[in-house]
PDB file of all heavy atoms in Angstrom:
ATOM      1  N   TRP A   1       0.800  -1.227   0.046  1.00  0.00           N
ATOM      2  CA  TRP A   1       0.009  -0.002   0.014  1.00  0.00           C
ATOM      3  C   TRP A   1       0.836   1.298  -0.042  1.00  0.00           C
ATOM      4  O   TRP A   1       0.522   2.265  -0.654  1.00  0.00           O
ATOM      5  CB  TRP A   1      -0.970   0.032   1.177  1.00  0.00           C
ATOM      6  CG  TRP A   1      -1.945   1.112   1.175  1.00  0.00           C
ATOM      7  CD1 TRP A   1      -1.978   2.138   2.048  1.00  0.00           C
ATOM      8  CD2 TRP A   1      -3.041   1.329   0.186  1.00  0.00           C
ATOM      9  NE1 TRP A   1      -3.091   3.008   1.724  1.00  0.00           N
ATOM     10  CE2 TRP A   1      -3.658   2.505   0.571  1.00  0.00           C
ATOM     11  CE3 TRP A   1      -3.438   0.623  -0.949  1.00  0.00           C
ATOM     12  CZ2 TRP A   1      -4.776   2.938  -0.122  1.00  0.00           C
ATOM     13  CZ3 TRP A   1      -4.498   1.146  -1.561  1.00  0.00           C
ATOM     14  CH2 TRP A   1      -5.185   2.279  -1.225  1.00  0.00           C
ATOM     15  N   ILE A   2       1.908   1.240   0.708  1.00  0.00           N
ATOM     16  CA  ILE A   2       2.862   2.497   0.740  1.00  0.00           C
ATOM     17  C   ILE A   2       3.392   2.786  -0.603  1.00  0.00           C
ATOM     18  O   ILE A   2       3.425   3.940  -1.102  1.00  0.00           O
ATOM     19  CB  ILE A   2       3.927   2.312   1.862  1.00  0.00           C
ATOM     20  CG1 ILE A   2       3.262   2.229   3.226  1.00  0.00           C
ATOM     21  CG2 ILE A   2       4.896   3.478   1.753  1.00  0.00           C
ATOM     22  CD1 ILE A   2       4.254   1.793   4.270  1.00  0.00           C
ATOM     23  N   ASP A   3       3.881   1.777  -1.307  1.00  0.00           N
ATOM     24  CA  ASP A   3       4.420   1.916  -2.622  1.00  0.00           C
ATOM     25  C   ASP A   3       3.323   2.345  -3.561  1.00  0.00           C
ATOM     26  O   ASP A   3       3.562   3.222  -4.446  1.00  0.00           O
ATOM     27  CB  ASP A   3       5.053   0.633  -3.106  1.00  0.00           C
ATOM     28  CG  ASP A   3       6.514   0.459  -2.668  1.00  0.00           C
ATOM     29  OD1 ASP A   3       6.996   1.382  -1.914  1.00  0.00           O
ATOM     30  OD2 ASP A   3       7.154  -0.529  -2.948  1.00  0.00           O
ATOM     31  N   TYR A   4       2.144   1.798  -3.443  1.00  0.00           N
ATOM     32  CA  TYR A   4       0.999   2.192  -4.296  1.00  0.00           C
ATOM     33  C   TYR A   4       0.687   3.649  -4.130  1.00  0.00           C
ATOM     34  O   TYR A   4       0.523   4.422  -5.094  1.00  0.00           O
ATOM     35  CB  TYR A   4      -0.215   1.300  -3.951  1.00  0.00           C
ATOM     36  CG  TYR A   4      -1.490   1.649  -4.687  1.00  0.00           C
ATOM     37  CD1 TYR A   4      -1.739   1.140  -5.968  1.00  0.00           C
ATOM     38  CD2 TYR A   4      -2.442   2.464  -4.082  1.00  0.00           C
ATOM     39  CE1 TYR A   4      -2.887   1.466  -6.673  1.00  0.00           C
ATOM     40  CE2 TYR A   4      -3.617   2.793  -4.750  1.00  0.00           C
ATOM     41  CZ  TYR A   4      -3.834   2.238  -6.039  1.00  0.00           C
ATOM     42  OH  TYR A   4      -4.991   2.527  -6.729  1.00  0.00           O
ATOM     43  N   ARG A   5       0.664   4.054  -2.864  1.00  0.00           N
ATOM     44  CA  ARG A   5       0.261   5.474  -2.572  1.00  0.00           C
ATOM     45  C   ARG A   5       1.448   6.396  -3.046  1.00  0.00           C
ATOM     46  O   ARG A   5       1.206   7.563  -3.424  1.00  0.00           O
ATOM     47  CB  ARG A   5      -0.010   5.662  -1.107  1.00  0.00           C
ATOM     48  CG  ARG A   5      -1.276   4.957  -0.619  1.00  0.00           C
ATOM     49  CD  ARG A   5      -2.510   5.615  -0.957  1.00  0.00           C
ATOM     50  NE  ARG A   5      -2.859   6.560   0.059  1.00  0.00           N
ATOM     51  CZ  ARG A   5      -3.904   7.356   0.098  1.00  0.00           C
ATOM     52  NH1 ARG A   5      -4.647   7.417  -1.004  1.00  0.00           N
ATOM     53  NH2 ARG A   5      -4.157   8.137   1.099  1.00  0.00           N
ATOM     54  N   ALA A   6       2.686   5.919  -2.962  1.00  0.00           N
ATOM     55  CA  ALA A   6       3.816   6.762  -3.417  1.00  0.00           C
ATOM     56  C   ALA A   6       3.696   6.957  -4.896  1.00  0.00           C
ATOM     57  O   ALA A   6       4.070   8.077  -5.395  1.00  0.00           O
ATOM     58  CB  ALA A   6       5.090   6.036  -3.077  1.00  0.00           C
ATOM     59  N   ILE A   7       3.125   6.000  -5.618  1.00  0.00           N
ATOM     60  CA  ILE A   7       3.016   6.127  -7.080  1.00  0.00           C
ATOM     61  C   ILE A   7       1.890   7.098  -7.407  1.00  0.00           C
ATOM     62  O   ILE A   7       1.992   8.031  -8.206  1.00  0.00           O
ATOM     63  CB  ILE A   7       2.812   4.825  -7.784  1.00  0.00           C
ATOM     64  CG1 ILE A   7       4.111   3.924  -7.537  1.00  0.00           C
ATOM     65  CG2 ILE A   7       2.570   4.993  -9.268  1.00  0.00           C
ATOM     66  CD1 ILE A   7       3.884   2.495  -8.078  1.00  0.00           C
ATOM     67  N   VAL A   8       0.699   6.810  -6.848  1.00  0.00           N
ATOM     68  CA  VAL A   8      -0.501   7.577  -7.252  1.00  0.00           C
ATOM     69  C   VAL A   8      -0.635   8.895  -6.496  1.00  0.00           C
ATOM     70  O   VAL A   8      -1.393   9.838  -6.904  1.00  0.00           O
ATOM     71  CB  VAL A   8      -1.818   6.740  -6.992  1.00  0.00           C
ATOM     72  CG1 VAL A   8      -1.706   5.493  -7.784  1.00  0.00           C
ATOM     73  CG2 VAL A   8      -2.030   6.480  -5.548  1.00  0.00           C
ATOM     74  N   GLY A   9       0.098   9.008  -5.328  1.00  0.00           N
ATOM     75  CA  GLY A   9       0.029  10.287  -4.552  1.00  0.00           C
ATOM     76  C   GLY A   9      -1.143  10.330  -3.603  1.00  0.00           C
ATOM     77  O   GLY A   9      -1.992   9.379  -3.618  1.00  0.00           O
ATOM     78  N   ASP A  10      -1.156  11.291  -2.754  1.00  0.00           N
ATOM     79  CA  ASP A  10      -2.222  11.472  -1.717  1.00  0.00           C
ATOM     80  C   ASP A  10      -2.587  12.988  -1.788  1.00  0.00           C
ATOM     81  O   ASP A  10      -1.963  13.767  -1.003  1.00  0.00           O
ATOM     82  CB  ASP A  10      -1.718  10.982  -0.366  1.00  0.00           C
ATOM     83  CG  ASP A  10      -2.801  11.059   0.667  1.00  0.00           C
ATOM     84  OD1 ASP A  10      -3.929  11.672   0.372  1.00  0.00           O
ATOM     85  OD2 ASP A  10      -2.557  10.605   1.801  1.00  0.00           O
ATOM     86  N   THR A  11      -3.542  13.358  -2.552  1.00  0.00           N
ATOM     87  CA  THR A  11      -3.903  14.726  -2.700  1.00  0.00           C
ATOM     88  C   THR A  11      -4.405  15.327  -1.398  1.00  0.00           C
ATOM     89  O   THR A  11      -4.321  16.519  -1.083  1.00  0.00           O
ATOM     90  CB  THR A  11      -4.983  14.952  -3.761  1.00  0.00           C
ATOM     91  OG1 THR A  11      -6.062  14.058  -3.495  1.00  0.00           O
ATOM     92  CG2 THR A  11      -4.320  14.549  -5.164  1.00  0.00           C
ATOM     93  N   SER A  12      -5.047  14.526  -0.552  1.00  0.00           N
ATOM     94  CA  SER A  12      -5.595  15.050   0.696  1.00  0.00           C
ATOM     95  C   SER A  12      -4.525  15.509   1.661  1.00  0.00           C
ATOM     96  O   SER A  12      -4.740  16.331   2.492  1.00  0.00           O
ATOM     97  CB  SER A  12      -6.526  13.969   1.384  1.00  0.00           C
ATOM     98  OG  SER A  12      -5.690  12.878   1.847  1.00  0.00           O
ATOM     99  N   ASP A  13      -3.309  14.928   1.563  1.00  0.00           N
ATOM    100  CA  ASP A  13      -2.219  15.300   2.430  1.00  0.00           C
ATOM    101  C   ASP A  13      -1.183  16.155   1.688  1.00  0.00           C
ATOM    102  O   ASP A  13      -0.112  16.445   2.249  1.00  0.00           O
ATOM    103  CB  ASP A  13      -1.547  14.065   2.965  1.00  0.00           C
ATOM    104  CG  ASP A  13      -2.336  13.416   4.126  1.00  0.00           C
ATOM    105  OD1 ASP A  13      -3.293  14.006   4.601  1.00  0.00           O
ATOM    106  OD2 ASP A  13      -2.092  12.303   4.463  1.00  0.00           O
ATOM    107  N   GLY A  14      -1.374  16.427   0.444  1.00  0.00           N
ATOM    108  CA  GLY A  14      -0.433  17.282  -0.294  1.00  0.00           C
ATOM    109  C   GLY A  14       0.733  16.525  -0.765  1.00  0.00           C
ATOM    110  O   GLY A  14       1.821  17.085  -0.901  1.00  0.00           O
ATOM    111  N   ILE A  15       0.627  15.189  -0.938  1.00  0.00           N
ATOM    112  CA  ILE A  15       1.749  14.387  -1.405  1.00  0.00           C
ATOM    113  C   ILE A  15       1.600  14.116  -2.817  1.00  0.00           C
ATOM    114  O   ILE A  15       0.679  13.311  -3.213  1.00  0.00           O
ATOM    115  CB  ILE A  15       1.904  13.110  -0.579  1.00  0.00           C
ATOM    116  CG1 ILE A  15       2.032  13.410   0.944  1.00  0.00           C
ATOM    117  CG2 ILE A  15       3.038  12.237  -1.026  1.00  0.00           C
ATOM    118  CD1 ILE A  15       1.933  12.189   1.834  1.00  0.00           C
ATOM    119  N   ALA A  16       2.439  14.571  -3.706  1.00  0.00           N
ATOM    120  CA  ALA A  16       2.365  14.345  -5.152  1.00  0.00           C
ATOM    121  C   ALA A  16       2.806  12.946  -5.471  1.00  0.00           C
ATOM    122  O   ALA A  16       3.819  12.447  -4.909  1.00  0.00           O
ATOM    123  CB  ALA A  16       3.147  15.401  -5.921  1.00  0.00           C
ATOM    124  N   GLY A  17       2.199  12.349  -6.478  1.00  0.00           N
ATOM    125  CA  GLY A  17       2.662  11.013  -6.932  1.00  0.00           C
ATOM    126  C   GLY A  17       3.571  11.138  -8.134  1.00  0.00           C
ATOM    127  O   GLY A  17       4.118  12.235  -8.397  1.00  0.00           O
ATOM    128  N   CYS A  18       3.735  10.117  -8.854  1.00  0.00           N
ATOM    129  CA  CYS A  18       4.563  10.092 -10.037  1.00  0.00           C
ATOM    130  C   CYS A  18       3.676  10.449 -11.241  1.00  0.00           C
ATOM    131  O   CYS A  18       2.729   9.820 -11.586  1.00  0.00           O
ATOM    132  CB  CYS A  18       5.133   8.695 -10.286  1.00  0.00           C
ATOM    133  SG  CYS A  18       6.192   8.576 -11.691  1.00  0.00           S
ATOM    134  N   PHE A  19       4.075  11.597 -11.862  1.00  0.00           N
ATOM    135  CA  PHE A  19       3.244  12.205 -12.958  1.00  0.00           C
ATOM    136  C   PHE A  19       3.190  11.200 -14.109  1.00  0.00           C
ATOM    137  O   PHE A  19       4.159  10.636 -14.555  1.00  0.00           O
ATOM    138  CB  PHE A  19       3.928  13.436 -13.418  1.00  0.00           C
ATOM    139  CG  PHE A  19       3.158  14.138 -14.523  1.00  0.00           C
ATOM    140  CD1 PHE A  19       1.963  14.863 -14.223  1.00  0.00           C
ATOM    141  CD2 PHE A  19       3.468  13.974 -15.788  1.00  0.00           C
ATOM    142  CE1 PHE A  19       1.214  15.467 -15.222  1.00  0.00           C
ATOM    143  CE2 PHE A  19       2.785  14.631 -16.858  1.00  0.00           C
ATOM    144  CZ  PHE A  19       1.638  15.305 -16.523  1.00  0.00           C
ATOM    145  N   GLY A  20       1.966  10.972 -14.550  1.00  0.00           N
ATOM    146  CA  GLY A  20       1.718  10.094 -15.653  1.00  0.00           C
ATOM    147  C   GLY A  20       1.319   8.630 -15.338  1.00  0.00           C
ATOM    148  O   GLY A  20       0.958   7.886 -16.234  1.00  0.00           O
ATOM    149  N   LEU A  21       1.383   8.326 -14.044  1.00  0.00           N
ATOM    150  CA  LEU A  21       0.926   6.963 -13.662  1.00  0.00           C
ATOM    151  C   LEU A  21      -0.261   7.131 -12.713  1.00  0.00           C
ATOM    152  O   LEU A  21      -0.268   7.881 -11.730  1.00  0.00           O
ATOM    153  CB  LEU A  21       2.058   6.274 -12.890  1.00  0.00           C
ATOM    154  CG  LEU A  21       3.114   5.602 -13.743  1.00  0.00           C
ATOM    155  CD1 LEU A  21       4.193   6.558 -14.259  1.00  0.00           C
ATOM    156  CD2 LEU A  21       3.726   4.421 -13.053  1.00  0.00           C
ATOM    157  N   GLY A  22      -1.338   6.374 -13.031  1.00  0.00           N
ATOM    158  CA  GLY A  22      -2.501   6.339 -12.190  1.00  0.00           C
ATOM    159  C   GLY A  22      -2.662   5.041 -11.472  1.00  0.00           C
ATOM    160  O   GLY A  22      -1.709   4.284 -11.333  1.00  0.00           O
ATOM    161  N   LYS A  23      -3.914   4.784 -11.016  1.00  0.00           N
ATOM    162  CA  LYS A  23      -4.160   3.596 -10.179  1.00  0.00           C
ATOM    163  C   LYS A  23      -3.830   2.314 -10.937  1.00  0.00           C
ATOM    164  O   LYS A  23      -3.326   1.354 -10.423  1.00  0.00           O
ATOM    165  CB  LYS A  23      -5.598   3.630  -9.691  1.00  0.00           C
ATOM    166  CG  LYS A  23      -5.867   4.807  -8.771  1.00  0.00           C
ATOM    167  CD  LYS A  23      -7.315   4.845  -8.376  1.00  0.00           C
ATOM    168  CE  LYS A  23      -7.641   5.982  -7.442  1.00  0.00           C
ATOM    169  NZ  LYS A  23      -9.092   6.056  -7.085  1.00  0.00           N
ATOM    170  N   ALA A  24      -4.241   2.270 -12.221  1.00  0.00           N
ATOM    171  CA  ALA A  24      -4.151   1.052 -12.953  1.00  0.00           C
ATOM    172  C   ALA A  24      -2.680   0.720 -13.190  1.00  0.00           C
ATOM    173  O   ALA A  24      -2.224  -0.487 -13.004  1.00  0.00           O
ATOM    174  CB  ALA A  24      -4.847   1.127 -14.320  1.00  0.00           C
ATOM    175  N   ALA A  25      -1.844   1.756 -13.553  1.00  0.00           N
ATOM    176  CA  ALA A  25      -0.471   1.532 -13.793  1.00  0.00           C
ATOM    177  C   ALA A  25       0.244   1.098 -12.494  1.00  0.00           C
ATOM    178  O   ALA A  25       1.138   0.237 -12.472  1.00  0.00           O
ATOM    179  CB  ALA A  25       0.171   2.741 -14.360  1.00  0.00           C
ATOM    180  N   ALA A  26      -0.096   1.747 -11.331  1.00  0.00           N
ATOM    181  CA  ALA A  26       0.477   1.451 -10.048  1.00  0.00           C
ATOM    182  C   ALA A  26       0.208  -0.027  -9.685  1.00  0.00           C
ATOM    183  O   ALA A  26       1.124  -0.724  -9.282  1.00  0.00           O
ATOM    184  CB  ALA A  26      -0.034   2.391  -9.024  1.00  0.00           C
ATOM    185  N   ALA A  27      -1.020  -0.446  -9.888  1.00  0.00           N
ATOM    186  CA  ALA A  27      -1.395  -1.886  -9.526  1.00  0.00           C
ATOM    187  C   ALA A  27      -0.651  -2.840 -10.437  1.00  0.00           C
ATOM    188  O   ALA A  27      -0.152  -3.888 -10.004  1.00  0.00           O
ATOM    189  CB  ALA A  27      -2.898  -2.008  -9.688  1.00  0.00           C
ATOM    190  N   GLU A  28      -0.463  -2.488 -11.734  1.00  0.00           N
ATOM    191  CA  GLU A  28       0.243  -3.320 -12.646  1.00  0.00           C
ATOM    192  C   GLU A  28       1.720  -3.445 -12.283  1.00  0.00           C
ATOM    193  O   GLU A  28       2.234  -4.557 -12.270  1.00  0.00           O
ATOM    194  CB  GLU A  28       0.130  -2.703 -14.085  1.00  0.00           C
ATOM    195  CG  GLU A  28       1.128  -3.369 -15.095  1.00  0.00           C
ATOM    196  CD  GLU A  28       0.902  -4.781 -15.438  1.00  0.00           C
ATOM    197  OE1 GLU A  28      -0.178  -5.378 -15.020  1.00  0.00           O
ATOM    198  OE2 GLU A  28       1.799  -5.441 -16.064  1.00  0.00           O
ATOM    199  N   VAL A  29       2.348  -2.376 -11.881  1.00  0.00           N
ATOM    200  CA  VAL A  29       3.747  -2.413 -11.473  1.00  0.00           C
ATOM    201  C   VAL A  29       3.959  -3.291 -10.278  1.00  0.00           C
ATOM    202  O   VAL A  29       4.848  -4.190 -10.187  1.00  0.00           O
ATOM    203  CB  VAL A  29       4.243  -1.007 -11.145  1.00  0.00           C
ATOM    204  CG1 VAL A  29       5.591  -1.028 -10.404  1.00  0.00           C
ATOM    205  CG2 VAL A  29       4.364  -0.178 -12.461  1.00  0.00           C
ATOM    206  N   LEU A  30       3.037  -3.192  -9.298  1.00  0.00           N
ATOM    207  CA  LEU A  30       3.217  -3.933  -7.998  1.00  0.00           C
ATOM    208  C   LEU A  30       2.760  -5.369  -8.197  1.00  0.00           C
ATOM    209  O   LEU A  30       3.250  -6.266  -7.526  1.00  0.00           O
ATOM    210  CB  LEU A  30       2.402  -3.190  -6.893  1.00  0.00           C
ATOM    211  CG  LEU A  30       2.968  -1.835  -6.529  1.00  0.00           C
ATOM    212  CD1 LEU A  30       2.065  -1.105  -5.594  1.00  0.00           C
ATOM    213  CD2 LEU A  30       4.417  -1.921  -6.042  1.00  0.00           C
ATOM    214  N   ARG A  31       1.792  -5.601  -9.130  1.00  0.00           N
ATOM    215  CA  ARG A  31       1.402  -6.982  -9.384  1.00  0.00           C
ATOM    216  C   ARG A  31       2.565  -7.743 -10.049  1.00  0.00           C
ATOM    217  O   ARG A  31       2.819  -8.893  -9.687  1.00  0.00           O
ATOM    218  CB  ARG A  31       0.189  -7.074 -10.263  1.00  0.00           C
ATOM    219  CG  ARG A  31      -0.371  -8.424 -10.534  1.00  0.00           C
ATOM    220  CD  ARG A  31      -1.620  -8.385 -11.295  1.00  0.00           C
ATOM    221  NE  ARG A  31      -1.484  -7.961 -12.613  1.00  0.00           N
ATOM    222  CZ  ARG A  31      -1.206  -8.772 -13.653  1.00  0.00           C
ATOM    223  NH1 ARG A  31      -1.024 -10.085 -13.434  1.00  0.00           N
ATOM    224  NH2 ARG A  31      -1.017  -8.281 -14.882  1.00  0.00           N
ATOM    225  N   ARG A  32       3.257  -7.127 -10.970  1.00  0.00           N
ATOM    226  CA  ARG A  32       4.331  -7.778 -11.679  1.00  0.00           C
ATOM    227  C   ARG A  32       5.646  -7.811 -10.932  1.00  0.00           C
ATOM    228  O   ARG A  32       6.377  -8.765 -11.090  1.00  0.00           O
ATOM    229  CB  ARG A  32       4.552  -7.070 -13.049  1.00  0.00           C
ATOM    230  CG  ARG A  32       3.339  -7.046 -13.957  1.00  0.00           C
ATOM    231  CD  ARG A  32       3.237  -8.374 -14.697  1.00  0.00           C
ATOM    232  NE  ARG A  32       2.099  -8.298 -15.698  1.00  0.00           N
ATOM    233  CZ  ARG A  32       1.899  -9.284 -16.545  1.00  0.00           C
ATOM    234  NH1 ARG A  32       2.540 -10.353 -16.562  1.00  0.00           N
ATOM    235  NH2 ARG A  32       0.808  -9.106 -17.354  1.00  0.00           N
ATOM    236  N   CYS A  33       5.940  -6.726 -10.157  1.00  0.00           N
ATOM    237  CA  CYS A  33       7.201  -6.571  -9.555  1.00  0.00           C
ATOM    238  C   CYS A  33       7.191  -6.689  -8.005  1.00  0.00           C
ATOM    239  O   CYS A  33       8.244  -6.648  -7.429  1.00  0.00           O
ATOM    240  CB  CYS A  33       7.852  -5.210 -10.008  1.00  0.00           C
ATOM    241  SG  CYS A  33       7.932  -4.958 -11.763  1.00  0.00           S
ATOM    242  N   ASN A  34       6.010  -6.764  -7.434  1.00  0.00           N
ATOM    243  CA  ASN A  34       5.773  -6.868  -6.037  1.00  0.00           C
ATOM    244  C   ASN A  34       6.139  -5.620  -5.252  1.00  0.00           C
ATOM    245  O   ASN A  34       5.319  -5.187  -4.403  1.00  0.00           O
ATOM    246  CB  ASN A  34       6.634  -7.998  -5.439  1.00  0.00           C
ATOM    247  CG  ASN A  34       6.210  -8.339  -4.041  1.00  0.00           C
ATOM    248  OD1 ASN A  34       5.005  -8.503  -3.758  1.00  0.00           O
ATOM    249  ND2 ASN A  34       7.108  -8.643  -3.165  1.00  0.00           N
ATOM    250  N   THR A  35       7.242  -4.964  -5.501  1.00  0.00           N
ATOM    251  CA  THR A  35       7.655  -3.713  -4.819  1.00  0.00           C
ATOM    252  C   THR A  35       8.212  -2.733  -5.907  1.00  0.00           C
ATOM    253  O   THR A  35       8.537  -3.118  -7.022  1.00  0.00           O
ATOM    254  CB  THR A  35       8.733  -3.921  -3.716  1.00  0.00           C
ATOM    255  OG1 THR A  35       9.890  -4.322  -4.312  1.00  0.00           O
ATOM    256  CG2 THR A  35       8.225  -4.963  -2.715  1.00  0.00           C
ATOM    257  N   LEU A  36       8.390  -1.512  -5.490  1.00  0.00           N
ATOM    258  CA  LEU A  36       9.032  -0.535  -6.384  1.00  0.00           C
ATOM    259  C   LEU A  36      10.520  -0.891  -6.602  1.00  0.00           C
ATOM    260  O   LEU A  36      11.065  -0.656  -7.634  1.00  0.00           O
ATOM    261  CB  LEU A  36       8.880   0.913  -5.873  1.00  0.00           C
ATOM    262  CG  LEU A  36       7.579   1.562  -6.192  1.00  0.00           C
ATOM    263  CD1 LEU A  36       7.397   2.864  -5.455  1.00  0.00           C
ATOM    264  CD2 LEU A  36       7.453   1.791  -7.708  1.00  0.00           C
ATOM    265  N   GLU A  37      11.157  -1.396  -5.548  1.00  0.00           N
ATOM    266  CA  GLU A  37      12.526  -1.847  -5.693  1.00  0.00           C
ATOM    267  C   GLU A  37      12.584  -2.978  -6.726  1.00  0.00           C
ATOM    268  O   GLU A  37      13.553  -3.040  -7.493  1.00  0.00           O
ATOM    269  CB  GLU A  37      13.087  -2.273  -4.342  1.00  0.00           C
ATOM    270  CG  GLU A  37      13.288  -1.162  -3.358  1.00  0.00           C
ATOM    271  CD  GLU A  37      13.980   0.043  -3.886  1.00  0.00           C
ATOM    272  OE1 GLU A  37      15.064  -0.193  -4.644  1.00  0.00           O
ATOM    273  OE2 GLU A  37      13.609   1.196  -3.644  1.00  0.00           O
ATOM    274  N   GLY A  38      11.607  -3.827  -6.705  1.00  0.00           N
ATOM    275  CA  GLY A  38      11.530  -4.894  -7.719  1.00  0.00           C
ATOM    276  C   GLY A  38      11.382  -4.326  -9.091  1.00  0.00           C
ATOM    277  O   GLY A  38      12.001  -4.832 -10.069  1.00  0.00           O
ATOM    278  N   PHE A  39      10.647  -3.242  -9.230  1.00  0.00           N
ATOM    279  CA  PHE A  39      10.482  -2.602 -10.525  1.00  0.00           C
ATOM    280  C   PHE A  39      11.790  -2.029 -10.973  1.00  0.00           C
ATOM    281  O   PHE A  39      12.190  -2.205 -12.180  1.00  0.00           O
ATOM    282  CB  PHE A  39       9.440  -1.511 -10.458  1.00  0.00           C
ATOM    283  CG  PHE A  39       9.458  -0.617 -11.639  1.00  0.00           C
ATOM    284  CD1 PHE A  39       8.821  -0.989 -12.853  1.00  0.00           C
ATOM    285  CD2 PHE A  39      10.098   0.610 -11.625  1.00  0.00           C
ATOM    286  CE1 PHE A  39       8.901  -0.148 -13.913  1.00  0.00           C
ATOM    287  CE2 PHE A  39      10.169   1.489 -12.676  1.00  0.00           C
ATOM    288  CZ  PHE A  39       9.522   1.101 -13.894  1.00  0.00           C
ATOM    289  N   PHE A  40      12.519  -1.389 -10.131  1.00  0.00           N
ATOM    290  CA  PHE A  40      13.798  -0.823 -10.582  1.00  0.00           C
ATOM    291  C   PHE A  40      14.835  -1.833 -10.969  1.00  0.00           C
ATOM    292  O   PHE A  40      15.674  -1.598 -11.739  1.00  0.00           O
ATOM    293  CB  PHE A  40      14.352   0.088  -9.394  1.00  0.00           C
ATOM    294  CG  PHE A  40      13.531   1.242  -9.050  1.00  0.00           C
ATOM    295  CD1 PHE A  40      13.208   1.520  -7.720  1.00  0.00           C
ATOM    296  CD2 PHE A  40      12.958   2.043 -10.038  1.00  0.00           C
ATOM    297  CE1 PHE A  40      12.350   2.580  -7.374  1.00  0.00           C
ATOM    298  CE2 PHE A  40      12.110   3.106  -9.673  1.00  0.00           C
ATOM    299  CZ  PHE A  40      11.843   3.403  -8.403  1.00  0.00           C
ATOM    300  N   GLN A  41      14.713  -3.044 -10.416  1.00  0.00           N
ATOM    301  CA  GLN A  41      15.567  -4.116 -10.766  1.00  0.00           C
ATOM    302  C   GLN A  41      15.166  -4.719 -12.139  1.00  0.00           C
ATOM    303  O   GLN A  41      16.040  -5.137 -12.928  1.00  0.00           O
ATOM    304  CB  GLN A  41      15.607  -5.195  -9.716  1.00  0.00           C
ATOM    305  CG  GLN A  41      16.266  -4.706  -8.456  1.00  0.00           C
ATOM    306  CD  GLN A  41      16.095  -5.715  -7.320  1.00  0.00           C
ATOM    307  OE1 GLN A  41      15.738  -6.905  -7.498  1.00  0.00           O
ATOM    308  NE2 GLN A  41      16.416  -5.286  -6.065  1.00  0.00           N
ATOM    309  N   THR A  42      13.838  -4.806 -12.372  1.00  0.00           N
ATOM    310  CA  THR A  42      13.334  -5.387 -13.606  1.00  0.00           C
ATOM    311  C   THR A  42      12.315  -4.492 -14.244  1.00  0.00           C
ATOM    312  O   THR A  42      11.115  -4.825 -14.213  1.00  0.00           O
ATOM    313  CB  THR A  42      12.741  -6.857 -13.342  1.00  0.00           C
ATOM    314  OG1 THR A  42      11.733  -6.743 -12.344  1.00  0.00           O
ATOM    315  CG2 THR A  42      13.869  -7.804 -12.864  1.00  0.00           C
TER     316      THR A  42
END
């Protein structure tokens, strides 16, 4: 969940996410790579 929110952001708390990636892309990254560190490796 923390990596997911890091990607999509949290507008209620003023935390910007990664521009150009939404909920579907975030879920796809984490489904395939498990974590963001896993994404950076593959």
